[in-house]
PDB file of N, CA and C in Angstrom:
ATOM      1  N   MET A   1     106.601  30.481 -72.636  1.00  0.00           N
ATOM      2  CA  MET A   1     107.711  30.512 -71.518  1.00  0.00           C
ATOM      3  C   MET A   1     109.077  30.535 -72.281  1.00  0.00           C
ATOM      4  N   GLN A   2     109.932  31.408 -71.927  1.00  0.00           N
ATOM      5  CA  GLN A   2     111.256  31.594 -72.581  1.00  0.00           C
ATOM      6  C   GLN A   2     112.269  30.551 -72.137  1.00  0.00           C
ATOM      7  N   LYS A   3     113.440  30.567 -72.763  1.00  0.00           N
ATOM      8  CA  LYS A   3     114.375  29.485 -72.384  1.00  0.00           C
ATOM      9  C   LYS A   3     115.563  30.236 -71.705  1.00  0.00           C
ATOM     10  N   VAL A   4     116.191  29.555 -70.942  1.00  0.00           N
ATOM     11  CA  VAL A   4     117.482  29.885 -70.353  1.00  0.00           C
ATOM     12  C   VAL A   4     118.625  29.599 -71.562  1.00  0.00           C
ATOM     13  N   ARG A   5     119.298  30.395 -72.159  1.00  0.00           N
ATOM     14  CA  ARG A   5     120.115  30.289 -73.192  1.00  0.00           C
ATOM     15  C   ARG A   5     121.608  30.406 -72.788  1.00  0.00           C
ATOM     16  N   PRO A   6     122.559  29.665 -73.526  1.00  0.00           N
ATOM     17  CA  PRO A   6     123.859  30.007 -73.319  1.00  0.00           C
ATOM     18  C   PRO A   6     124.091  31.484 -73.939  1.00  0.00           C
ATOM     19  N   ALA A   7     124.788  32.275 -73.246  1.00  0.00           N
ATOM     20  CA  ALA A   7     125.170  33.690 -73.831  1.00  0.00           C
ATOM     21  C   ALA A   7     126.492  33.463 -74.733  1.00  0.00           C
ATOM     22  N   VAL A   8     126.373  34.267 -75.953  1.00  0.00           N
ATOM     23  CA  VAL A   8     127.517  34.154 -76.936  1.00  0.00           C
ATOM     24  C   VAL A   8     128.120  35.521 -77.034  1.00  0.00           C
ATOM     25  N   GLY A   9     129.465  35.711 -76.983  1.00  0.00           N
ATOM     26  CA  GLY A   9     129.977  36.883 -77.204  1.00  0.00           C
ATOM     27  C   GLY A   9     131.244  37.102 -76.485  1.00  0.00           C
ATOM     28  N   SER A  10     131.201  38.036 -75.563  1.00  0.00           N
ATOM     29  CA  SER A  10     132.480  38.581 -75.011  1.00  0.00           C
ATOM     30  C   SER A  10     133.001  38.032 -73.696  1.00  0.00           C
ATOM     31  N   PHE A  11     132.547  36.686 -73.495  1.00  0.00           N
ATOM     32  CA  PHE A  11     132.821  35.854 -72.303  1.00  0.00           C
ATOM     33  C   PHE A  11     133.633  34.635 -72.794  1.00  0.00           C
ATOM     34  N   PHE A  12     134.958  34.619 -72.408  1.00  0.00           N
ATOM     35  CA  PHE A  12     135.733  33.585 -73.147  1.00  0.00           C
ATOM     36  C   PHE A  12     136.327  32.777 -71.858  1.00  0.00           C
ATOM     37  N   GLY A  13     136.728  31.365 -72.136  1.00  0.00           N
ATOM     38  CA  GLY A  13     137.449  30.540 -71.328  1.00  0.00           C
ATOM     39  C   GLY A  13     136.916  29.087 -71.622  1.00  0.00           C
ATOM     40  N   HIS A  14     137.380  28.235 -70.772  1.00  0.00           N
ATOM     41  CA  HIS A  14     136.910  26.943 -70.902  1.00  0.00           C
ATOM     42  C   HIS A  14     135.502  26.873 -70.315  1.00  0.00           C
ATOM     43  N   SER A  15     134.463  26.123 -71.071  1.00  0.00           N
ATOM     44  CA  SER A  15     133.134  26.035 -70.713  1.00  0.00           C
ATOM     45  C   SER A  15     132.838  24.853 -70.199  1.00  0.00           C
ATOM     46  N   PRO A  16     132.329  24.554 -68.895  1.00  0.00           N
ATOM     47  CA  PRO A  16     131.861  23.508 -68.287  1.00  0.00           C
ATOM     48  C   PRO A  16     130.548  22.903 -68.955  1.00  0.00           C
ATOM     49  N   ALA A  17     130.256  21.762 -68.969  1.00  0.00           N
ATOM     50  CA  ALA A  17     128.955  21.256 -69.482  1.00  0.00           C
ATOM     51  C   ALA A  17     127.869  21.641 -68.543  1.00  0.00           C
ATOM     52  N   ALA A  18     126.670  21.992 -69.142  1.00  0.00           N
ATOM     53  CA  ALA A  18     125.629  22.625 -68.337  1.00  0.00           C
ATOM     54  C   ALA A  18     124.279  21.955 -68.897  1.00  0.00           C
ATOM     55  N   ASN A  19     123.294  21.710 -68.097  1.00  0.00           N
ATOM     56  CA  ASN A  19     121.896  21.138 -68.477  1.00  0.00           C
ATOM     57  C   ASN A  19     120.938  22.200 -67.967  1.00  0.00           C
ATOM     58  N   THR A  20     119.904  22.284 -68.648  1.00  0.00           N
ATOM     59  CA  THR A  20     118.828  23.245 -68.200  1.00  0.00           C
ATOM     60  C   THR A  20     117.495  22.501 -68.119  1.00  0.00           C
ATOM     61  N   GLN A  21     116.736  22.873 -67.138  1.00  0.00           N
ATOM     62  CA  GLN A  21     115.265  22.176 -67.060  1.00  0.00           C
ATOM     63  C   GLN A  21     114.433  23.309 -66.794  1.00  0.00           C
ATOM     64  N   VAL A  22     113.105  23.042 -66.906  1.00  0.00           N
ATOM     65  CA  VAL A  22     112.047  23.964 -66.492  1.00  0.00           C
ATOM     66  C   VAL A  22     110.865  23.212 -66.079  1.00  0.00           C
ATOM     67  N   ASP A  23     110.175  23.918 -65.039  1.00  0.00           N
ATOM     68  CA  ASP A  23     108.858  23.322 -64.580  1.00  0.00           C
ATOM     69  C   ASP A  23     108.154  24.626 -64.245  1.00  0.00           C
ATOM     70  N   GLN A  24     107.002  24.467 -63.593  1.00  0.00           N
ATOM     71  CA  GLN A  24     106.038  25.719 -63.345  1.00  0.00           C
ATOM     72  C   GLN A  24     106.571  26.689 -62.389  1.00  0.00           C
ATOM     73  N   GLU A  25     107.497  26.201 -61.438  1.00  0.00           N
ATOM     74  CA  GLU A  25     108.201  27.008 -60.352  1.00  0.00           C
ATOM     75  C   GLU A  25     109.578  27.429 -60.562  1.00  0.00           C
ATOM     76  N   PHE A  26     110.326  26.775 -61.411  1.00  0.00           N
ATOM     77  CA  PHE A  26     111.830  27.110 -61.414  1.00  0.00           C
ATOM     78  C   PHE A  26     112.136  26.704 -62.799  1.00  0.00           C
ATOM     79  N   TYR A  27     113.382  27.482 -63.111  1.00  0.00           N
ATOM     80  CA  TYR A  27     114.400  27.115 -64.080  1.00  0.00           C
ATOM     81  C   TYR A  27     115.433  26.462 -63.348  1.00  0.00           C
ATOM     82  N   THR A  28     116.040  25.183 -63.676  1.00  0.00           N
ATOM     83  CA  THR A  28     117.186  24.865 -63.049  1.00  0.00           C
ATOM     84  C   THR A  28     118.363  24.543 -63.868  1.00  0.00           C
ATOM     85  N   LEU A  29     119.562  24.946 -63.476  1.00  0.00           N
ATOM     86  CA  LEU A  29     120.803  24.867 -64.180  1.00  0.00           C
ATOM     87  C   LEU A  29     121.606  23.856 -63.560  1.00  0.00           C
ATOM     88  N   THR A  30     122.135  22.918 -64.015  1.00  0.00           N
ATOM     89  CA  THR A  30     123.151  22.129 -63.246  1.00  0.00           C
ATOM     90  C   THR A  30     124.432  22.075 -64.321  1.00  0.00           C
ATOM     91  N   VAL A  31     125.499  22.501 -63.497  1.00  0.00           N
ATOM     92  CA  VAL A  31     126.877  22.731 -64.086  1.00  0.00           C
ATOM     93  C   VAL A  31     127.857  21.679 -63.810  1.00  0.00           C
ATOM     94  N   ASP A  32     128.516  20.899 -64.638  1.00  0.00           N
ATOM     95  CA  ASP A  32     129.551  19.881 -64.050  1.00  0.00           C
ATOM     96  C   ASP A  32     130.840  20.680 -63.717  1.00  0.00           C
ATOM     97  N   LEU A  33     131.257  20.715 -62.397  1.00  0.00           N
ATOM     98  CA  LEU A  33     132.455  21.274 -61.962  1.00  0.00           C
ATOM     99  C   LEU A  33     133.140  20.303 -61.111  1.00  0.00           C
ATOM    100  N   PRO A  34     133.568  19.145 -61.581  1.00  0.00           N
ATOM    101  CA  PRO A  34     134.424  18.301 -60.658  1.00  0.00           C
ATOM    102  C   PRO A  34     135.602  18.933 -60.327  1.00  0.00           C
ATOM    103  N   GLY A  35     135.964  18.546 -58.996  1.00  0.00           N
ATOM    104  CA  GLY A  35     137.248  18.965 -58.402  1.00  0.00           C
ATOM    105  C   GLY A  35     137.465  20.558 -58.145  1.00  0.00           C
ATOM    106  N   VAL A  36     136.002  21.087 -58.065  1.00  0.00           N
ATOM    107  CA  VAL A  36     136.056  22.645 -57.851  1.00  0.00           C
ATOM    108  C   VAL A  36     135.374  22.856 -56.485  1.00  0.00           C
ATOM    109  N   SER A  37     136.078  23.649 -55.605  1.00  0.00           N
ATOM    110  CA  SER A  37     135.336  23.827 -54.217  1.00  0.00           C
ATOM    111  C   SER A  37     134.523  25.029 -54.310  1.00  0.00           C
ATOM    112  N   LYS A  38     133.656  25.326 -53.392  1.00  0.00           N
ATOM    113  CA  LYS A  38     132.570  26.242 -53.553  1.00  0.00           C
ATOM    114  C   LYS A  38     133.324  27.598 -53.267  1.00  0.00           C
ATOM    115  N   ASP A  39     134.544  27.675 -52.661  1.00  0.00           N
ATOM    116  CA  ASP A  39     135.326  28.763 -52.647  1.00  0.00           C
ATOM    117  C   ASP A  39     135.739  29.345 -53.854  1.00  0.00           C
ATOM    118  N   ASN A  40     135.912  28.517 -54.792  1.00  0.00           N
ATOM    119  CA  ASN A  40     136.323  28.846 -56.095  1.00  0.00           C
ATOM    120  C   ASN A  40     135.397  29.005 -57.132  1.00  0.00           C
ATOM    121  N   VAL A  41     134.123  29.440 -56.805  1.00  0.00           N
ATOM    122  CA  VAL A  41     133.092  29.628 -57.568  1.00  0.00           C
ATOM    123  C   VAL A  41     132.442  30.960 -57.504  1.00  0.00           C
ATOM    124  N   ASP A  42     132.305  31.645 -58.501  1.00  0.00           N
ATOM    125  CA  ASP A  42     131.614  33.069 -58.472  1.00  0.00           C
ATOM    126  C   ASP A  42     130.586  33.020 -59.476  1.00  0.00           C
ATOM    127  N   LEU A  43     129.388  33.504 -58.862  1.00  0.00           N
ATOM    128  CA  LEU A  43     128.009  33.663 -59.797  1.00  0.00           C
ATOM    129  C   LEU A  43     127.784  35.058 -59.636  1.00  0.00           C
ATOM    130  N   HIS A  44     127.444  35.854 -60.659  1.00  0.00           N
ATOM    131  CA  HIS A  44     126.827  37.121 -60.565  1.00  0.00           C
ATOM    132  C   HIS A  44     126.067  37.381 -61.805  1.00  0.00           C
ATOM    133  N   ILE A  45     125.005  38.311 -61.523  1.00  0.00           N
ATOM    134  CA  ILE A  45     124.203  38.678 -62.631  1.00  0.00           C
ATOM    135  C   ILE A  45     124.431  40.106 -63.039  1.00  0.00           C
ATOM    136  N   GLU A  46     124.543  40.352 -64.325  1.00  0.00           N
ATOM    137  CA  GLU A  46     124.529  41.637 -65.054  1.00  0.00           C
ATOM    138  C   GLU A  46     123.460  41.746 -66.089  1.00  0.00           C
ATOM    139  N   GLY A  47     122.471  42.680 -65.879  1.00  0.00           N
ATOM    140  CA  GLY A  47     121.346  42.772 -66.542  1.00  0.00           C
ATOM    141  C   GLY A  47     120.469  41.566 -66.644  1.00  0.00           C
ATOM    142  N   ASN A  48     120.361  40.971 -67.660  1.00  0.00           N
ATOM    143  CA  ASN A  48     119.674  39.490 -67.875  1.00  0.00           C
ATOM    144  C   ASN A  48     120.671  38.365 -68.119  1.00  0.00           C
ATOM    145  N   THR A  49     121.927  38.644 -67.840  1.00  0.00           N
ATOM    146  CA  THR A  49     122.979  37.407 -68.115  1.00  0.00           C
ATOM    147  C   THR A  49     123.553  37.071 -66.814  1.00  0.00           C
ATOM    148  N   LEU A  50     123.358  35.686 -66.472  1.00  0.00           N
ATOM    149  CA  LEU A  50     124.087  35.102 -65.339  1.00  0.00           C
ATOM    150  C   LEU A  50     125.487  34.595 -65.760  1.00  0.00           C
ATOM    151  N   TYR A  51     126.529  34.999 -65.034  1.00  0.00           N
ATOM    152  CA  TYR A  51     128.006  34.880 -65.347  1.00  0.00           C
ATOM    153  C   TYR A  51     128.379  33.682 -64.187  1.00  0.00           C
ATOM    154  N   LEU A  52     129.030  32.811 -64.624  1.00  0.00           N
ATOM    155  CA  LEU A  52     129.605  31.660 -63.774  1.00  0.00           C
ATOM    156  C   LEU A  52     131.313  31.767 -64.071  1.00  0.00           C
ATOM    157  N   THR A  53     131.981  31.830 -63.033  1.00  0.00           N
ATOM    158  CA  THR A  53     133.544  31.659 -63.160  1.00  0.00           C
ATOM    159  C   THR A  53     133.813  30.979 -61.993  1.00  0.00           C
ATOM    160  N   ALA A  54     134.587  29.782 -62.466  1.00  0.00           N
ATOM    161  CA  ALA A  54     135.243  28.836 -61.282  1.00  0.00           C
ATOM    162  C   ALA A  54     136.602  28.559 -61.622  1.00  0.00           C
ATOM    163  N   LYS A  55     137.420  28.148 -60.692  1.00  0.00           N
ATOM    164  CA  LYS A  55     138.697  27.766 -61.006  1.00  0.00           C
ATOM    165  C   LYS A  55     139.075  26.514 -60.211  1.00  0.00           C
ATOM    166  N   ARG A  56     139.568  25.727 -61.157  1.00  0.00           N
ATOM    167  CA  ARG A  56     139.937  24.184 -60.769  1.00  0.00           C
ATOM    168  C   ARG A  56     141.368  24.106 -60.613  1.00  0.00           C
ATOM    169  N   THR A  57     141.894  23.943 -59.392  1.00  0.00           N
ATOM    170  CA  THR A  57     143.329  23.708 -59.160  1.00  0.00           C
ATOM    171  C   THR A  57     143.876  22.296 -59.098  1.00  0.00           C
ATOM    172  N   THR A  58     145.107  22.236 -59.365  1.00  0.00           N
ATOM    173  CA  THR A  58     145.657  20.743 -59.307  1.00  0.00           C
ATOM    174  C   THR A  58     146.755  20.804 -58.021  1.00  0.00           C
ATOM    175  N   ALA A  59     146.603  19.697 -57.343  1.00  0.00           N
ATOM    176  CA  ALA A  59     147.404  19.364 -56.242  1.00  0.00           C
ATOM    177  C   ALA A  59     148.763  19.256 -56.486  1.00  0.00           C
ATOM    178  N   ARG A  60     149.051  18.530 -57.642  1.00  0.00           N
ATOM    179  CA  ARG A  60     150.386  18.319 -58.027  1.00  0.00           C
ATOM    180  C   ARG A  60     150.497  17.924 -59.507  1.00  0.00           C
ATOM    181  N   GLU A  61     151.531  18.051 -60.069  1.00  0.00           N
ATOM    182  CA  GLU A  61     151.795  17.672 -61.542  1.00  0.00           C
ATOM    183  C   GLU A  61     152.315  16.303 -61.732  1.00  0.00           C
ATOM    184  N   VAL A  62     152.123  15.651 -62.777  1.00  0.00           N
ATOM    185  CA  VAL A  62     152.663  14.270 -62.996  1.00  0.00           C
ATOM    186  C   VAL A  62     153.738  14.402 -64.109  1.00  0.00           C
ATOM    187  N   ALA A  63     154.842  14.094 -63.726  1.00  0.00           N
ATOM    188  CA  ALA A  63     156.140  14.241 -64.631  1.00  0.00           C
ATOM    189  C   ALA A  63     156.586  12.863 -64.761  1.00  0.00           C
ATOM    190  N   GLU A  64     156.825  12.473 -66.165  1.00  0.00           N
ATOM    191  CA  GLU A  64     157.478  11.167 -66.347  1.00  0.00           C
ATOM    192  C   GLU A  64     158.556  11.467 -67.360  1.00  0.00           C
ATOM    193  N   LYS A  65     159.800  10.931 -67.174  1.00  0.00           N
ATOM    194  CA  LYS A  65     160.968  11.198 -67.895  1.00  0.00           C
ATOM    195  C   LYS A  65     161.042  12.412 -68.349  1.00  0.00           C
ATOM    196  N   ASP A  66     161.121  12.621 -69.607  1.00  0.00           N
ATOM    197  CA  ASP A  66     161.292  13.948 -70.130  1.00  0.00           C
ATOM    198  C   ASP A  66     160.068  14.743 -70.649  1.00  0.00           C
ATOM    199  N   TYR A  67     158.887  14.107 -70.223  1.00  0.00           N
ATOM    200  CA  TYR A  67     157.686  14.871 -70.751  1.00  0.00           C
ATOM    201  C   TYR A  67     156.686  14.972 -69.648  1.00  0.00           C
ATOM    202  N   TYR A  68     155.747  15.763 -70.034  1.00  0.00           N
ATOM    203  CA  TYR A  68     154.851  16.178 -69.038  1.00  0.00           C
ATOM    204  C   TYR A  68     153.320  15.863 -69.534  1.00  0.00           C
ATOM    205  N   ARG A  69     152.606  15.142 -68.657  1.00  0.00           N
ATOM    206  CA  ARG A  69     151.180  14.902 -68.960  1.00  0.00           C
ATOM    207  C   ARG A  69     150.135  15.199 -68.030  1.00  0.00           C
ATOM    208  N   MET A  70     149.240  15.746 -68.537  1.00  0.00           N
ATOM    209  CA  MET A  70     147.990  16.303 -67.825  1.00  0.00           C
ATOM    210  C   MET A  70     146.783  16.220 -68.585  1.00  0.00           C
ATOM    211  N   GLU A  71     145.939  15.189 -68.337  1.00  0.00           N
ATOM    212  CA  GLU A  71     144.707  14.904 -69.064  1.00  0.00           C
ATOM    213  C   GLU A  71     143.514  15.958 -68.687  1.00  0.00           C
ATOM    214  N   SER A  72     143.456  16.099 -67.426  1.00  0.00           N
ATOM    215  CA  SER A  72     142.471  16.953 -66.813  1.00  0.00           C
ATOM    216  C   SER A  72     142.604  18.282 -67.131  1.00  0.00           C
ATOM    217  N   TYR A  73     141.418  19.054 -67.176  1.00  0.00           N
ATOM    218  CA  TYR A  73     141.650  20.569 -67.441  1.00  0.00           C
ATOM    219  C   TYR A  73     141.828  21.140 -65.946  1.00  0.00           C
ATOM    220  N   PHE A  74     142.662  22.041 -65.824  1.00  0.00           N
ATOM    221  CA  PHE A  74     142.927  22.850 -64.517  1.00  0.00           C
ATOM    222  C   PHE A  74     143.022  24.257 -64.981  1.00  0.00           C
ATOM    223  N   GLY A  75     142.368  25.175 -64.298  1.00  0.00           N
ATOM    224  CA  GLY A  75     142.633  26.566 -64.602  1.00  0.00           C
ATOM    225  C   GLY A  75     141.026  27.244 -64.606  1.00  0.00           C
ATOM    226  N   GLN A  76     140.849  28.355 -65.256  1.00  0.00           N
ATOM    227  CA  GLN A  76     139.614  29.141 -65.205  1.00  0.00           C
ATOM    228  C   GLN A  76     138.537  28.390 -66.138  1.00  0.00           C
ATOM    229  N   LEU A  77     137.374  28.266 -65.416  1.00  0.00           N
ATOM    230  CA  LEU A  77     136.147  27.855 -66.220  1.00  0.00           C
ATOM    231  C   LEU A  77     135.192  28.922 -66.262  1.00  0.00           C
ATOM    232  N   GLN A  78     134.465  29.101 -67.445  1.00  0.00           N
ATOM    233  CA  GLN A  78     133.761  30.297 -67.453  1.00  0.00           C
ATOM    234  C   GLN A  78     132.485  29.863 -68.166  1.00  0.00           C
ATOM    235  N   ARG A  79     131.301  30.403 -67.939  1.00  0.00           N
ATOM    236  CA  ARG A  79     129.958  30.193 -68.657  1.00  0.00           C
ATOM    237  C   ARG A  79     129.245  31.334 -68.354  1.00  0.00           C
ATOM    238  N   ALA A  80     128.315  31.643 -69.517  1.00  0.00           N
ATOM    239  CA  ALA A  80     127.323  32.722 -69.167  1.00  0.00           C
ATOM    240  C   ALA A  80     125.943  32.246 -69.842  1.00  0.00           C
ATOM    241  N   PHE A  81     124.828  32.630 -69.129  1.00  0.00           N
ATOM    242  CA  PHE A  81     123.622  32.214 -69.570  1.00  0.00           C
ATOM    243  C   PHE A  81     122.606  33.383 -69.778  1.00  0.00           C
ATOM    244  N   THR A  82     121.994  33.772 -70.754  1.00  0.00           N
ATOM    245  CA  THR A  82     120.995  34.785 -70.958  1.00  0.00           C
ATOM    246  C   THR A  82     119.766  34.193 -70.397  1.00  0.00           C
ATOM    247  N   LEU A  83     119.289  34.937 -69.246  1.00  0.00           N
ATOM    248  CA  LEU A  83     118.037  34.550 -68.429  1.00  0.00           C
ATOM    249  C   LEU A  83     116.756  35.043 -69.095  1.00  0.00           C
ATOM    250  N   PRO A  84     115.569  34.485 -69.065  1.00  0.00           N
ATOM    251  CA  PRO A  84     114.370  34.874 -69.375  1.00  0.00           C
ATOM    252  C   PRO A  84     113.874  36.077 -68.478  1.00  0.00           C
ATOM    253  N   THR A  85     113.068  36.851 -69.001  1.00  0.00           N
ATOM    254  CA  THR A  85     112.526  38.006 -68.108  1.00  0.00           C
ATOM    255  C   THR A  85     111.808  37.491 -67.168  1.00  0.00           C
ATOM    256  N   GLU A  86     111.302  36.420 -67.015  1.00  0.00           N
ATOM    257  CA  GLU A  86     110.390  35.816 -65.863  1.00  0.00           C
ATOM    258  C   GLU A  86     111.113  35.285 -64.755  1.00  0.00           C
ATOM    259  N   VAL A  87     112.302  35.472 -64.727  1.00  0.00           N
ATOM    260  CA  VAL A  87     113.332  34.842 -63.553  1.00  0.00           C
ATOM    261  C   VAL A  87     113.443  35.780 -62.591  1.00  0.00           C
ATOM    262  N   GLU A  88     113.137  35.497 -61.394  1.00  0.00           N
ATOM    263  CA  GLU A  88     113.275  36.366 -60.097  1.00  0.00           C
ATOM    264  C   GLU A  88     114.703  36.349 -59.581  1.00  0.00           C
ATOM    265  N   GLY A  89     115.313  37.329 -60.095  1.00  0.00           N
ATOM    266  CA  GLY A  89     116.894  37.489 -59.852  1.00  0.00           C
ATOM    267  C   GLY A  89     117.275  37.450 -58.446  1.00  0.00           C
ATOM    268  N   GLU A  90     116.578  38.035 -57.558  1.00  0.00           N
ATOM    269  CA  GLU A  90     116.759  38.219 -56.105  1.00  0.00           C
ATOM    270  C   GLU A  90     116.823  36.803 -55.340  1.00  0.00           C
ATOM    271  N   GLN A  91     115.951  35.907 -55.918  1.00  0.00           N
ATOM    272  CA  GLN A  91     115.645  34.678 -55.288  1.00  0.00           C
ATOM    273  C   GLN A  91     116.536  33.591 -55.825  1.00  0.00           C
ATOM    274  N   ILE A  92     117.593  33.743 -56.572  1.00  0.00           N
ATOM    275  CA  ILE A  92     118.428  32.644 -57.160  1.00  0.00           C
ATOM    276  C   ILE A  92     119.171  31.962 -56.249  1.00  0.00           C
ATOM    277  N   ASP A  93     119.209  30.538 -56.192  1.00  0.00           N
ATOM    278  CA  ASP A  93     119.913  29.864 -55.092  1.00  0.00           C
ATOM    279  C   ASP A  93     120.814  28.880 -55.832  1.00  0.00           C
ATOM    280  N   ALA A  94     122.202  28.638 -55.196  1.00  0.00           N
ATOM    281  CA  ALA A  94     123.296  27.945 -55.866  1.00  0.00           C
ATOM    282  C   ALA A  94     123.641  26.937 -54.872  1.00  0.00           C
ATOM    283  N   LYS A  95     123.935  25.601 -55.043  1.00  0.00           N
ATOM    284  CA  LYS A  95     124.544  24.795 -54.221  1.00  0.00           C
ATOM    285  C   LYS A  95     125.462  23.783 -55.209  1.00  0.00           C
ATOM    286  N   LEU A  96     126.622  23.688 -54.364  1.00  0.00           N
ATOM    287  CA  LEU A  96     127.624  22.691 -55.108  1.00  0.00           C
ATOM    288  C   LEU A  96     127.684  21.512 -54.450  1.00  0.00           C
ATOM    289  N   LYS A  97     127.499  20.393 -54.943  1.00  0.00           N
ATOM    290  CA  LYS A  97     127.473  19.115 -54.161  1.00  0.00           C
ATOM    291  C   LYS A  97     128.070  17.918 -55.307  1.00  0.00           C
ATOM    292  N   ASP A  98     128.943  17.308 -54.709  1.00  0.00           N
ATOM    293  CA  ASP A  98     129.584  16.110 -55.479  1.00  0.00           C
ATOM    294  C   ASP A  98     130.055  16.593 -56.932  1.00  0.00           C
ATOM    295  N   GLY A  99     130.481  17.826 -57.044  1.00  0.00           N
ATOM    296  CA  GLY A  99     131.142  18.177 -58.342  1.00  0.00           C
ATOM    297  C   GLY A  99     130.140  18.702 -59.363  1.00  0.00           C
ATOM    298  N   VAL A 100     128.879  18.932 -58.794  1.00  0.00           N
ATOM    299  CA  VAL A 100     127.819  19.371 -59.654  1.00  0.00           C
ATOM    300  C   VAL A 100     127.087  20.808 -58.939  1.00  0.00           C
ATOM    301  N   LEU A 101     127.070  21.697 -59.603  1.00  0.00           N
ATOM    302  CA  LEU A 101     126.561  23.104 -59.258  1.00  0.00           C
ATOM    303  C   LEU A 101     125.140  23.142 -59.754  1.00  0.00           C
ATOM    304  N   ARG A 102     124.224  23.195 -58.742  1.00  0.00           N
ATOM    305  CA  ARG A 102     122.925  23.156 -59.139  1.00  0.00           C
ATOM    306  C   ARG A 102     122.216  24.757 -58.750  1.00  0.00           C
ATOM    307  N   ILE A 103     121.835  25.381 -59.940  1.00  0.00           N
ATOM    308  CA  ILE A 103     121.395  26.809 -59.703  1.00  0.00           C
ATOM    309  C   ILE A 103     119.882  26.843 -60.062  1.00  0.00           C
ATOM    310  N   THR A 104     119.142  27.167 -58.802  1.00  0.00           N
ATOM    311  CA  THR A 104     117.643  27.192 -58.941  1.00  0.00           C
ATOM    312  C   THR A 104     117.250  28.766 -59.180  1.00  0.00           C
ATOM    313  N   LEU A 105     116.563  28.887 -60.351  1.00  0.00           N
ATOM    314  CA  LEU A 105     116.044  30.411 -60.784  1.00  0.00           C
ATOM    315  C   LEU A 105     114.593  30.350 -60.657  1.00  0.00           C
ATOM    316  N   PRO A 106     113.968  30.922 -59.538  1.00  0.00           N
ATOM    317  CA  PRO A 106     112.710  30.941 -59.556  1.00  0.00           C
ATOM    318  C   PRO A 106     111.864  31.661 -60.498  1.00  0.00           C
ATOM    319  N   ILE A 107     110.738  31.389 -61.041  1.00  0.00           N
ATOM    320  CA  ILE A 107     110.001  32.029 -61.941  1.00  0.00           C
ATOM    321  C   ILE A 107     108.948  33.081 -61.184  1.00  0.00           C
ATOM    322  N   LYS A 108     108.941  34.396 -61.726  1.00  0.00           N
ATOM    323  CA  LYS A 108     108.063  35.230 -61.066  1.00  0.00           C
ATOM    324  C   LYS A 108     106.742  34.832 -60.961  1.00  0.00           C
ATOM    325  N   GLU A 109     105.945  35.092 -59.988  1.00  0.00           N
ATOM    326  CA  GLU A 109     104.729  34.724 -59.685  1.00  0.00           C
ATOM    327  C   GLU A 109     103.751  35.135 -60.730  1.00  0.00           C
ATOM    328  N   CYS A 110     103.959  36.355 -61.307  1.00  0.00           N
ATOM    329  CA  CYS A 110     103.007  36.997 -62.399  1.00  0.00           C
ATOM    330  C   CYS A 110     103.215  36.078 -63.836  1.00  0.00           C
ATOM    331  N   SER A 111     104.288  35.385 -63.757  1.00  0.00           N
ATOM    332  CA  SER A 111     104.685  34.658 -65.076  1.00  0.00           C
ATOM    333  C   SER A 111     104.215  33.359 -65.021  1.00  0.00           C
ATOM    334  N   LYS A 112     103.816  32.823 -63.963  1.00  0.00           N
ATOM    335  CA  LYS A 112     103.288  31.360 -63.834  1.00  0.00           C
ATOM    336  C   LYS A 112     101.864  31.181 -64.399  1.00  0.00           C
ATOM    337  N   SER A 113     101.626  30.213 -65.214  1.00  0.00           N
ATOM    338  CA  SER A 113     100.350  29.898 -65.627  1.00  0.00           C
ATOM    339  C   SER A 113      99.313  29.461 -64.594  1.00  0.00           C
ATOM    340  N   ARG A 114      98.158  29.925 -64.680  1.00  0.00           N
ATOM    341  CA  ARG A 114      97.213  29.426 -63.647  1.00  0.00           C
ATOM    342  C   ARG A 114      95.728  29.297 -64.376  1.00  0.00           C
ATOM    343  N   ARG A 115      94.946  28.697 -63.711  1.00  0.00           N
ATOM    344  CA  ARG A 115      93.522  28.705 -64.210  1.00  0.00           C
ATOM    345  C   ARG A 115      92.757  29.843 -63.640  1.00  0.00           C
ATOM    346  N   ILE A 116      91.809  30.367 -64.419  1.00  0.00           N
ATOM    347  CA  ILE A 116      90.808  31.330 -64.015  1.00  0.00           C
ATOM    348  C   ILE A 116      89.492  30.797 -64.014  1.00  0.00           C
ATOM    349  N   ALA A 117      88.951  30.853 -62.772  1.00  0.00           N
ATOM    350  CA  ALA A 117      87.477  30.361 -62.742  1.00  0.00           C
ATOM    351  C   ALA A 117      86.594  31.284 -63.614  1.00  0.00           C
ATOM    352  N   VAL A 118      85.730  30.816 -64.059  1.00  0.00           N
ATOM    353  CA  VAL A 118      84.459  31.412 -64.869  1.00  0.00           C
ATOM    354  C   VAL A 118      83.220  31.456 -63.922  1.00  0.00           C
ATOM    355  N   ARG A 119      82.858  32.550 -63.543  1.00  0.00           N
ATOM    356  CA  ARG A 119      81.587  32.625 -62.841  1.00  0.00           C
ATOM    357  C   ARG A 119      80.390  32.862 -63.590  1.00  0.00           C
TER     358      ARG A 119
END
C-alpha cells in the first residue's frame, strides 16, 4: 500500500500541520486549521495531487504604544499532498470541526486486500 505524501515543489505558503493515517478502508488526513471557517477552505485535486488552501483572518489588531504585536499566523495557508493511485478521488469527504479539517480518502475496492478461498 502506498502512502499519502506531502507534495514538494511549486506550491508555496504557510503550511499547517497535518497527520495521515491508513486502514483497510480509508486514508485519513487531519489538518490543523484553528480559527478558519469552512467558507475559507478550498480543496481540489489536479492529477494525483490534493491541494488545500485556507485563509485565516483576524478580527482585530493588537497595538501597544509604538509597536505592533501579533503572535498568531493570519493569512493564506497552503498544503499539497500526493495521493496514492488506489484513492477513489470521486468519493473524498472533508469535514471541519473544532479547528481540525478531517479529509477521508476511500481506497478503491480493487486495491483492498482480501482472502481468497481455495476450493
